[in-house]
Amino acid sequence: MKVIKGRKIYLREICEKDLEKVRQWINSKTVSHALNIKKKITFKRQLNWYERYLKDDRKNVFAIVRNDSHEHIGNISLFDITEKSAYLTIFIGESDSLRKGFGSEALALLINHCRRLHIATLFLTVNSDNKEAIQFYVKSGFALNDEVQRNSKEIFKMKINIV
């Protein structure tokens, strides 16, 4: 299992035992809004997603795990991976782990991982009303790349060049 070690957290590949916790986070109001997910995720749907994920070379999903307690507190993912770019998502699902630098460290670890893979550009999308996330991404080096409408919501597309 691939593990990327940091100071306060480490990233490890997601596994089947993580699915129920992740499903609960995704079904929470804050995470579903941030990820733009409209429907509740059933366990069967989550398991189907996981089985497809295991066969998909264009996705990497990592659990964000605290070094001190080994608690899985969120996820960071790459998808639509090509030789030159990828899209990313990140969320901290455990509310007591918010605003403690875990997300910043997870993003820095993932960016360094992408450099080793020679991925030059990372993209992400964020709701235009999610000011805290936008501030986090800008602080991490992302810049606004485009604005689109999705389901009558304004979505910002952001990018960072890392190589």
N, C-alpha and C. Protein backbone atom coordinates (compact mmCIF):
# COMPACT_ATOMS: atom_id res chain seq x y z
N MET A 1 0.85 -1.18 0.00
CA MET A 1 0.00 0.00 0.00
C MET A 1 0.89 1.24 0.00
N LYS A 2 0.62 2.15 -0.92
CA LYS A 2 1.40 3.38 -1.03
C LYS A 2 1.08 4.30 0.16
N VAL A 3 2.14 4.78 0.82
CA VAL A 3 2.02 5.71 1.94
C VAL A 3 2.94 6.89 1.67
N ILE A 4 2.40 8.11 1.84
CA ILE A 4 3.17 9.33 1.67
C ILE A 4 3.19 10.01 3.05
N LYS A 5 4.37 10.07 3.66
CA LYS A 5 4.48 10.54 5.04
C LYS A 5 4.77 12.03 5.12
N GLY A 6 4.08 12.66 6.06
CA GLY A 6 4.29 14.07 6.36
C GLY A 6 4.58 14.26 7.83
N ARG A 7 4.60 15.51 8.27
CA ARG A 7 4.91 15.84 9.65
C ARG A 7 3.76 15.52 10.60
N LYS A 8 2.54 15.98 10.26
CA LYS A 8 1.38 15.78 11.13
C LYS A 8 0.43 14.71 10.61
N ILE A 9 0.53 14.41 9.33
CA ILE A 9 -0.38 13.45 8.70
C ILE A 9 0.39 12.57 7.72
N TYR A 10 -0.27 11.52 7.30
CA TYR A 10 0.24 10.74 6.17
C TYR A 10 -0.93 10.43 5.26
N LEU A 11 -0.61 10.17 4.01
CA LEU A 11 -1.60 9.79 3.01
C LEU A 11 -1.39 8.32 2.71
N ARG A 12 -2.48 7.57 2.71
CA ARG A 12 -2.41 6.16 2.31
C ARG A 12 -3.56 5.90 1.35
N GLU A 13 -3.37 4.91 0.51
CA GLU A 13 -4.44 4.58 -0.43
C GLU A 13 -5.70 4.19 0.34
N ILE A 14 -6.81 4.61 -0.19
CA ILE A 14 -8.09 4.27 0.43
C ILE A 14 -8.33 2.77 0.29
N CYS A 15 -9.00 2.18 1.25
CA CYS A 15 -9.30 0.75 1.19
C CYS A 15 -10.77 0.52 1.56
N GLU A 16 -11.21 -0.70 1.37
CA GLU A 16 -12.63 -1.00 1.55
C GLU A 16 -13.12 -0.68 2.96
N LYS A 17 -12.30 -0.84 3.97
CA LYS A 17 -12.74 -0.56 5.34
C LYS A 17 -13.04 0.92 5.56
N ASP A 18 -12.57 1.79 4.67
CA ASP A 18 -12.81 3.24 4.78
C ASP A 18 -14.17 3.66 4.23
N LEU A 19 -14.81 2.80 3.46
CA LEU A 19 -15.96 3.22 2.66
C LEU A 19 -17.13 3.76 3.47
N GLU A 20 -17.47 3.12 4.57
CA GLU A 20 -18.63 3.58 5.33
C GLU A 20 -18.38 4.96 5.94
N LYS A 21 -17.21 5.18 6.46
CA LYS A 21 -16.88 6.49 7.03
C LYS A 21 -16.93 7.57 5.95
N VAL A 22 -16.34 7.27 4.80
CA VAL A 22 -16.33 8.22 3.68
C VAL A 22 -17.76 8.50 3.21
N ARG A 23 -18.58 7.46 3.14
CA ARG A 23 -19.97 7.64 2.73
C ARG A 23 -20.70 8.57 3.69
N GLN A 24 -20.49 8.41 4.97
CA GLN A 24 -21.13 9.29 5.95
C GLN A 24 -20.68 10.73 5.77
N TRP A 25 -19.39 10.93 5.54
CA TRP A 25 -18.89 12.29 5.30
C TRP A 25 -19.52 12.89 4.05
N ILE A 26 -19.53 12.11 2.96
CA ILE A 26 -20.07 12.62 1.70
C ILE A 26 -21.55 12.95 1.84
N ASN A 27 -22.26 12.22 2.65
CA ASN A 27 -23.68 12.49 2.85
C ASN A 27 -23.94 13.63 3.84
N SER A 28 -22.90 14.13 4.50
CA SER A 28 -23.08 15.27 5.41
C SER A 28 -23.32 16.53 4.59
N LYS A 29 -24.00 17.47 5.18
CA LYS A 29 -24.36 18.70 4.47
C LYS A 29 -23.12 19.48 4.01
N THR A 30 -22.14 19.60 4.89
CA THR A 30 -20.98 20.43 4.54
C THR A 30 -20.15 19.81 3.41
N VAL A 31 -19.87 18.52 3.49
CA VAL A 31 -19.03 17.87 2.47
C VAL A 31 -19.80 17.75 1.15
N SER A 32 -21.07 17.36 1.20
CA SER A 32 -21.84 17.22 -0.05
C SER A 32 -21.96 18.57 -0.76
N HIS A 33 -22.12 19.65 0.00
CA HIS A 33 -22.17 20.98 -0.62
C HIS A 33 -20.82 21.34 -1.25
N ALA A 34 -19.75 21.09 -0.51
CA ALA A 34 -18.41 21.43 -1.02
C ALA A 34 -18.06 20.63 -2.27
N LEU A 35 -18.50 19.37 -2.32
CA LEU A 35 -18.19 18.51 -3.47
C LEU A 35 -19.27 18.56 -4.55
N ASN A 36 -20.31 19.34 -4.31
CA ASN A 36 -21.40 19.49 -5.28
C ASN A 36 -22.12 18.17 -5.54
N ILE A 37 -22.37 17.41 -4.49
CA ILE A 37 -23.07 16.13 -4.61
C ILE A 37 -24.52 16.35 -4.18
N LYS A 38 -25.44 16.01 -5.06
CA LYS A 38 -26.85 16.29 -4.81
C LYS A 38 -27.59 15.15 -4.13
N LYS A 39 -27.27 13.90 -4.49
CA LYS A 39 -28.00 12.74 -3.97
C LYS A 39 -27.24 12.09 -2.83
N LYS A 40 -28.00 11.53 -1.88
CA LYS A 40 -27.39 10.74 -0.82
C LYS A 40 -26.76 9.49 -1.44
N ILE A 41 -25.63 9.09 -0.92
CA ILE A 41 -24.91 7.93 -1.41
C ILE A 41 -25.29 6.72 -0.54
N THR A 42 -25.77 5.67 -1.17
CA THR A 42 -26.06 4.44 -0.44
C THR A 42 -24.77 3.63 -0.32
N PHE A 43 -24.75 2.66 0.60
CA PHE A 43 -23.56 1.83 0.73
C PHE A 43 -23.32 1.03 -0.54
N LYS A 44 -24.39 0.54 -1.15
CA LYS A 44 -24.24 -0.23 -2.40
C LYS A 44 -23.61 0.63 -3.49
N ARG A 45 -24.06 1.87 -3.61
CA ARG A 45 -23.51 2.78 -4.62
C ARG A 45 -22.03 3.07 -4.31
N GLN A 46 -21.71 3.24 -3.03
CA GLN A 46 -20.32 3.49 -2.64
C GLN A 46 -19.44 2.28 -2.97
N LEU A 47 -19.94 1.08 -2.70
CA LEU A 47 -19.19 -0.14 -3.00
C LEU A 47 -18.99 -0.30 -4.50
N ASN A 48 -20.02 0.00 -5.30
CA ASN A 48 -19.90 -0.05 -6.76
C ASN A 48 -18.83 0.93 -7.24
N TRP A 49 -18.84 2.14 -6.67
CA TRP A 49 -17.83 3.13 -7.02
C TRP A 49 -16.44 2.57 -6.71
N TYR A 50 -16.27 1.97 -5.55
CA TYR A 50 -14.97 1.46 -5.12
C TYR A 50 -14.48 0.36 -6.06
N GLU A 51 -15.36 -0.53 -6.46
CA GLU A 51 -14.98 -1.61 -7.38
C GLU A 51 -14.53 -1.04 -8.73
N ARG A 52 -15.21 0.01 -9.22
CA ARG A 52 -14.77 0.67 -10.46
C ARG A 52 -13.45 1.39 -10.25
N TYR A 53 -13.31 2.04 -9.11
CA TYR A 53 -12.09 2.78 -8.79
C TYR A 53 -10.86 1.86 -8.84
N LEU A 54 -10.97 0.66 -8.29
CA LEU A 54 -9.84 -0.27 -8.26
C LEU A 54 -9.33 -0.62 -9.65
N LYS A 55 -10.18 -0.49 -10.66
CA LYS A 55 -9.81 -0.83 -12.04
C LYS A 55 -9.41 0.40 -12.86
N ASP A 56 -9.46 1.59 -12.26
CA ASP A 56 -9.27 2.84 -12.99
C ASP A 56 -7.87 3.41 -12.73
N ASP A 57 -7.02 3.37 -13.75
CA ASP A 57 -5.66 3.91 -13.63
C ASP A 57 -5.63 5.43 -13.60
N ARG A 58 -6.74 6.06 -13.90
CA ARG A 58 -6.76 7.52 -13.97
C ARG A 58 -7.25 8.16 -12.67
N LYS A 59 -7.28 7.38 -11.57
CA LYS A 59 -7.70 7.90 -10.27
C LYS A 59 -6.77 7.40 -9.18
N ASN A 60 -6.49 8.26 -8.23
CA ASN A 60 -5.81 7.90 -6.98
C ASN A 60 -6.57 8.57 -5.86
N VAL A 61 -7.05 7.78 -4.90
CA VAL A 61 -7.75 8.34 -3.75
C VAL A 61 -6.96 7.96 -2.51
N PHE A 62 -6.60 8.98 -1.74
CA PHE A 62 -5.81 8.78 -0.52
C PHE A 62 -6.62 9.17 0.70
N ALA A 63 -6.52 8.37 1.75
CA ALA A 63 -7.03 8.73 3.06
C ALA A 63 -6.02 9.68 3.69
N ILE A 64 -6.53 10.74 4.31
CA ILE A 64 -5.69 11.64 5.10
C ILE A 64 -5.77 11.12 6.53
N VAL A 65 -4.62 10.74 7.09
CA VAL A 65 -4.59 10.08 8.39
C VAL A 65 -3.65 10.84 9.33
N ARG A 66 -4.14 11.12 10.53
CA ARG A 66 -3.32 11.82 11.53
C ARG A 66 -2.21 10.90 12.03
N ASN A 67 -0.99 11.44 12.15
CA ASN A 67 0.13 10.67 12.68
C ASN A 67 -0.06 10.34 14.16
N ASP A 68 -0.62 11.28 14.94
CA ASP A 68 -0.70 11.08 16.38
C ASP A 68 -1.70 10.01 16.79
N SER A 69 -2.84 9.92 16.08
CA SER A 69 -3.90 8.98 16.48
C SER A 69 -4.18 7.90 15.42
N HIS A 70 -3.61 8.05 14.24
CA HIS A 70 -3.86 7.17 13.09
C HIS A 70 -5.34 7.19 12.70
N GLU A 71 -6.00 8.30 13.00
CA GLU A 71 -7.41 8.47 12.64
C GLU A 71 -7.52 8.98 11.19
N HIS A 72 -8.37 8.34 10.43
CA HIS A 72 -8.70 8.76 9.06
C HIS A 72 -9.62 9.97 9.19
N ILE A 73 -9.15 11.14 8.72
CA ILE A 73 -9.91 12.38 8.94
C ILE A 73 -10.46 13.00 7.66
N GLY A 74 -10.08 12.48 6.50
CA GLY A 74 -10.55 13.05 5.24
C GLY A 74 -9.92 12.33 4.07
N ASN A 75 -10.17 12.86 2.89
CA ASN A 75 -9.64 12.27 1.66
C ASN A 75 -9.05 13.36 0.77
N ILE A 76 -8.07 12.96 -0.02
CA ILE A 76 -7.56 13.80 -1.09
C ILE A 76 -7.40 12.90 -2.31
N SER A 77 -7.86 13.38 -3.45
CA SER A 77 -7.95 12.52 -4.64
C SER A 77 -7.42 13.21 -5.88
N LEU A 78 -6.88 12.39 -6.75
CA LEU A 78 -6.55 12.80 -8.11
C LEU A 78 -7.44 12.02 -9.05
N PHE A 79 -7.98 12.67 -10.06
CA PHE A 79 -8.77 11.95 -11.06
C PHE A 79 -8.54 12.59 -12.42
N ASP A 80 -8.99 11.90 -13.46
CA ASP A 80 -8.71 12.31 -14.84
C ASP A 80 -7.22 12.55 -15.03
N ILE A 81 -6.40 11.65 -14.48
CA ILE A 81 -4.95 11.79 -14.56
C ILE A 81 -4.49 11.50 -15.98
N THR A 82 -3.70 12.42 -16.53
CA THR A 82 -3.05 12.22 -17.82
C THR A 82 -1.54 12.35 -17.59
N GLU A 83 -0.78 12.31 -18.66
CA GLU A 83 0.67 12.46 -18.53
C GLU A 83 1.04 13.86 -18.03
N LYS A 84 0.16 14.84 -18.26
CA LYS A 84 0.52 16.23 -17.96
C LYS A 84 -0.34 16.90 -16.90
N SER A 85 -1.52 16.36 -16.60
CA SER A 85 -2.41 17.06 -15.68
C SER A 85 -3.32 16.09 -14.93
N ALA A 86 -3.98 16.62 -13.92
CA ALA A 86 -4.97 15.86 -13.15
C ALA A 86 -5.90 16.85 -12.46
N TYR A 87 -7.06 16.37 -12.08
CA TYR A 87 -7.99 17.13 -11.24
C TYR A 87 -7.84 16.63 -9.82
N LEU A 88 -8.13 17.52 -8.87
CA LEU A 88 -7.99 17.13 -7.48
C LEU A 88 -9.23 17.51 -6.69
N THR A 89 -9.53 16.71 -5.68
CA THR A 89 -10.53 17.05 -4.66
C THR A 89 -9.90 16.79 -3.31
N ILE A 90 -10.36 17.54 -2.32
CA ILE A 90 -9.89 17.34 -0.96
C ILE A 90 -11.03 17.70 -0.02
N PHE A 91 -11.15 16.94 1.06
CA PHE A 91 -12.05 17.35 2.13
C PHE A 91 -11.57 16.75 3.44
N ILE A 92 -11.81 17.49 4.50
CA ILE A 92 -11.62 17.00 5.86
C ILE A 92 -13.02 16.70 6.38
N GLY A 93 -13.28 15.45 6.69
CA GLY A 93 -14.61 15.04 7.12
C GLY A 93 -14.83 15.13 8.62
N GLU A 94 -13.75 15.06 9.39
CA GLU A 94 -13.85 15.13 10.85
C GLU A 94 -13.78 16.59 11.28
N SER A 95 -14.87 17.11 11.81
CA SER A 95 -14.95 18.54 12.12
C SER A 95 -13.91 18.97 13.15
N ASP A 96 -13.51 18.09 14.08
CA ASP A 96 -12.51 18.48 15.07
C ASP A 96 -11.10 18.52 14.48
N SER A 97 -10.96 18.16 13.22
CA SER A 97 -9.65 18.22 12.55
C SER A 97 -9.57 19.37 11.56
N LEU A 98 -10.60 20.20 11.51
CA LEU A 98 -10.60 21.36 10.61
C LEU A 98 -9.72 22.47 11.18
N ARG A 99 -9.17 23.27 10.27
CA ARG A 99 -8.39 24.45 10.62
C ARG A 99 -7.19 24.15 11.53
N LYS A 100 -6.58 23.00 11.32
CA LYS A 100 -5.39 22.62 12.09
C LYS A 100 -4.19 22.38 11.20
N GLY A 101 -4.33 22.72 9.91
CA GLY A 101 -3.22 22.57 8.98
C GLY A 101 -3.14 21.21 8.30
N PHE A 102 -4.06 20.30 8.61
CA PHE A 102 -4.00 18.97 8.00
C PHE A 102 -4.28 19.03 6.49
N GLY A 103 -5.23 19.84 6.09
CA GLY A 103 -5.54 19.98 4.67
C GLY A 103 -4.38 20.59 3.90
N SER A 104 -3.76 21.61 4.47
CA SER A 104 -2.61 22.26 3.82
C SER A 104 -1.47 21.27 3.64
N GLU A 105 -1.21 20.49 4.69
CA GLU A 105 -0.13 19.50 4.59
C GLU A 105 -0.47 18.41 3.59
N ALA A 106 -1.72 17.95 3.58
CA ALA A 106 -2.14 16.92 2.62
C ALA A 106 -1.96 17.42 1.19
N LEU A 107 -2.36 18.67 0.95
CA LEU A 107 -2.22 19.24 -0.39
C LEU A 107 -0.75 19.36 -0.78
N ALA A 108 0.09 19.80 0.14
CA ALA A 108 1.53 19.91 -0.16
C ALA A 108 2.13 18.53 -0.46
N LEU A 109 1.75 17.52 0.31
CA LEU A 109 2.25 16.17 0.05
C LEU A 109 1.80 15.67 -1.32
N LEU A 110 0.54 15.94 -1.66
CA LEU A 110 0.03 15.47 -2.95
C LEU A 110 0.70 16.21 -4.11
N ILE A 111 0.94 17.50 -3.95
CA ILE A 111 1.62 18.26 -5.00
C ILE A 111 3.03 17.69 -5.22
N ASN A 112 3.74 17.38 -4.14
CA ASN A 112 5.08 16.78 -4.28
C ASN A 112 5.00 15.40 -4.94
N HIS A 113 3.98 14.64 -4.61
CA HIS A 113 3.75 13.33 -5.26
C HIS A 113 3.53 13.53 -6.76
N CYS A 114 2.76 14.53 -7.14
CA CYS A 114 2.50 14.81 -8.55
C CYS A 114 3.78 15.23 -9.27
N ARG A 115 4.63 15.98 -8.62
CA ARG A 115 5.92 16.35 -9.22
C ARG A 115 6.74 15.10 -9.55
N ARG A 116 6.74 14.13 -8.63
CA ARG A 116 7.48 12.88 -8.89
C ARG A 116 6.89 12.12 -10.07
N LEU A 117 5.58 12.29 -10.29
CA LEU A 117 4.91 11.65 -11.42
C LEU A 117 5.02 12.48 -12.70
N HIS A 118 5.65 13.65 -12.61
CA HIS A 118 5.82 14.59 -13.73
C HIS A 118 4.49 15.16 -14.21
N ILE A 119 3.52 15.24 -13.33
CA ILE A 119 2.26 15.92 -13.64
C ILE A 119 2.53 17.41 -13.49
N ALA A 120 2.31 18.17 -14.55
CA ALA A 120 2.69 19.58 -14.58
C ALA A 120 1.62 20.51 -14.03
N THR A 121 0.35 20.13 -14.17
CA THR A 121 -0.74 21.04 -13.82
C THR A 121 -1.83 20.29 -13.06
N LEU A 122 -2.31 20.91 -11.99
CA LEU A 122 -3.46 20.40 -11.25
C LEU A 122 -4.61 21.37 -11.41
N PHE A 123 -5.79 20.81 -11.60
CA PHE A 123 -7.02 21.59 -11.69
C PHE A 123 -7.95 21.18 -10.56
N LEU A 124 -8.86 22.07 -10.20
CA LEU A 124 -9.93 21.74 -9.27
C LEU A 124 -11.10 22.65 -9.57
N THR A 125 -12.27 22.26 -9.08
CA THR A 125 -13.44 23.12 -9.17
C THR A 125 -13.93 23.39 -7.76
N VAL A 126 -14.49 24.57 -7.57
CA VAL A 126 -14.98 24.98 -6.25
C VAL A 126 -16.20 25.88 -6.44
N ASN A 127 -17.19 25.72 -5.58
CA ASN A 127 -18.36 26.61 -5.62
C ASN A 127 -17.91 28.04 -5.38
N SER A 128 -18.43 28.96 -6.17
CA SER A 128 -18.01 30.36 -6.04
C SER A 128 -18.36 30.95 -4.67
N ASP A 129 -19.34 30.37 -3.99
CA ASP A 129 -19.72 30.88 -2.66
C ASP A 129 -18.92 30.25 -1.52
N ASN A 130 -18.00 29.34 -1.83
CA ASN A 130 -17.19 28.68 -0.81
C ASN A 130 -15.91 29.48 -0.59
N LYS A 131 -16.08 30.64 0.04
CA LYS A 131 -14.98 31.60 0.19
C LYS A 131 -13.80 31.02 0.98
N GLU A 132 -14.09 30.22 2.01
CA GLU A 132 -13.01 29.63 2.81
C GLU A 132 -12.15 28.69 1.97
N ALA A 133 -12.80 27.86 1.14
CA ALA A 133 -12.04 26.93 0.29
C ALA A 133 -11.24 27.71 -0.76
N ILE A 134 -11.84 28.73 -1.35
CA ILE A 134 -11.13 29.53 -2.36
C ILE A 134 -9.89 30.16 -1.74
N GLN A 135 -10.04 30.71 -0.54
CA GLN A 135 -8.89 31.31 0.16
C GLN A 135 -7.80 30.26 0.42
N PHE A 136 -8.20 29.06 0.82
CA PHE A 136 -7.26 27.96 1.06
C PHE A 136 -6.50 27.62 -0.23
N TYR A 137 -7.22 27.51 -1.35
CA TYR A 137 -6.57 27.16 -2.61
C TYR A 137 -5.64 28.26 -3.10
N VAL A 138 -6.06 29.52 -2.97
CA VAL A 138 -5.20 30.63 -3.39
C VAL A 138 -3.93 30.65 -2.54
N LYS A 139 -4.08 30.46 -1.23
CA LYS A 139 -2.92 30.42 -0.32
C LYS A 139 -1.97 29.28 -0.70
N SER A 140 -2.52 28.21 -1.26
CA SER A 140 -1.73 27.05 -1.67
C SER A 140 -1.13 27.19 -3.06
N GLY A 141 -1.41 28.31 -3.74
CA GLY A 141 -0.80 28.57 -5.04
C GLY A 141 -1.71 28.44 -6.24
N PHE A 142 -2.97 28.08 -6.04
CA PHE A 142 -3.91 27.96 -7.16
C PHE A 142 -4.39 29.35 -7.59
N ALA A 143 -4.75 29.45 -8.85
CA ALA A 143 -5.28 30.70 -9.40
C ALA A 143 -6.56 30.39 -10.18
N LEU A 144 -7.43 31.39 -10.24
CA LEU A 144 -8.67 31.24 -11.01
C LEU A 144 -8.33 31.04 -12.47
N ASN A 145 -8.93 30.03 -13.08
CA ASN A 145 -8.67 29.71 -14.48
C ASN A 145 -9.90 29.94 -15.35
N ASP A 146 -11.11 29.72 -14.78
CA ASP A 146 -12.34 29.83 -15.56
C ASP A 146 -13.53 29.86 -14.61
N GLU A 147 -14.65 30.35 -15.11
CA GLU A 147 -15.91 30.32 -14.38
C GLU A 147 -16.93 29.62 -15.26
N VAL A 148 -17.67 28.68 -14.67
CA VAL A 148 -18.69 27.94 -15.42
C VAL A 148 -19.97 27.87 -14.59
N GLN A 149 -21.07 27.59 -15.26
CA GLN A 149 -22.35 27.36 -14.60
C GLN A 149 -22.61 25.86 -14.59
N ARG A 150 -22.96 25.33 -13.43
CA ARG A 150 -23.31 23.92 -13.32
C ARG A 150 -24.51 23.82 -12.39
N ASN A 151 -25.61 23.26 -12.91
CA ASN A 151 -26.84 23.16 -12.12
C ASN A 151 -27.24 24.51 -11.54
N SER A 152 -27.19 25.54 -12.37
CA SER A 152 -27.49 26.93 -12.03
C SER A 152 -26.66 27.47 -10.85
N LYS A 153 -25.47 26.93 -10.68
CA LYS A 153 -24.52 27.43 -9.68
C LYS A 153 -23.26 27.89 -10.40
N GLU A 154 -22.69 28.95 -9.88
CA GLU A 154 -21.42 29.41 -10.44
C GLU A 154 -20.29 28.61 -9.81
N ILE A 155 -19.45 28.03 -10.67
CA ILE A 155 -18.33 27.19 -10.25
C ILE A 155 -17.05 27.82 -10.77
N PHE A 156 -16.07 27.93 -9.91
CA PHE A 156 -14.75 28.40 -10.31
C PHE A 156 -13.88 27.18 -10.63
N LYS A 157 -13.18 27.27 -11.74
CA LYS A 157 -12.16 26.29 -12.09
C LYS A 157 -10.83 26.96 -11.77
N MET A 158 -10.01 26.27 -10.95
CA MET A 158 -8.73 26.82 -10.54
C MET A 158 -7.62 25.87 -10.98
N LYS A 159 -6.41 26.43 -11.10
CA LYS A 159 -5.29 25.58 -11.51
C LYS A 159 -4.00 26.05 -10.85
N ILE A 160 -3.06 25.12 -10.81
CA ILE A 160 -1.71 25.41 -10.34
C ILE A 160 -0.74 24.66 -11.25
N ASN A 161 0.31 25.37 -11.67
CA ASN A 161 1.38 24.73 -12.42
C ASN A 161 2.45 24.34 -11.41
N ILE A 162 2.83 23.06 -11.41
CA ILE A 162 3.71 22.58 -10.35
C ILE A 162 5.07 22.08 -10.84
N VAL A 163 5.27 22.01 -12.13
CA VAL A 163 6.58 21.57 -12.63
C VAL A 163 7.26 22.72 -13.34
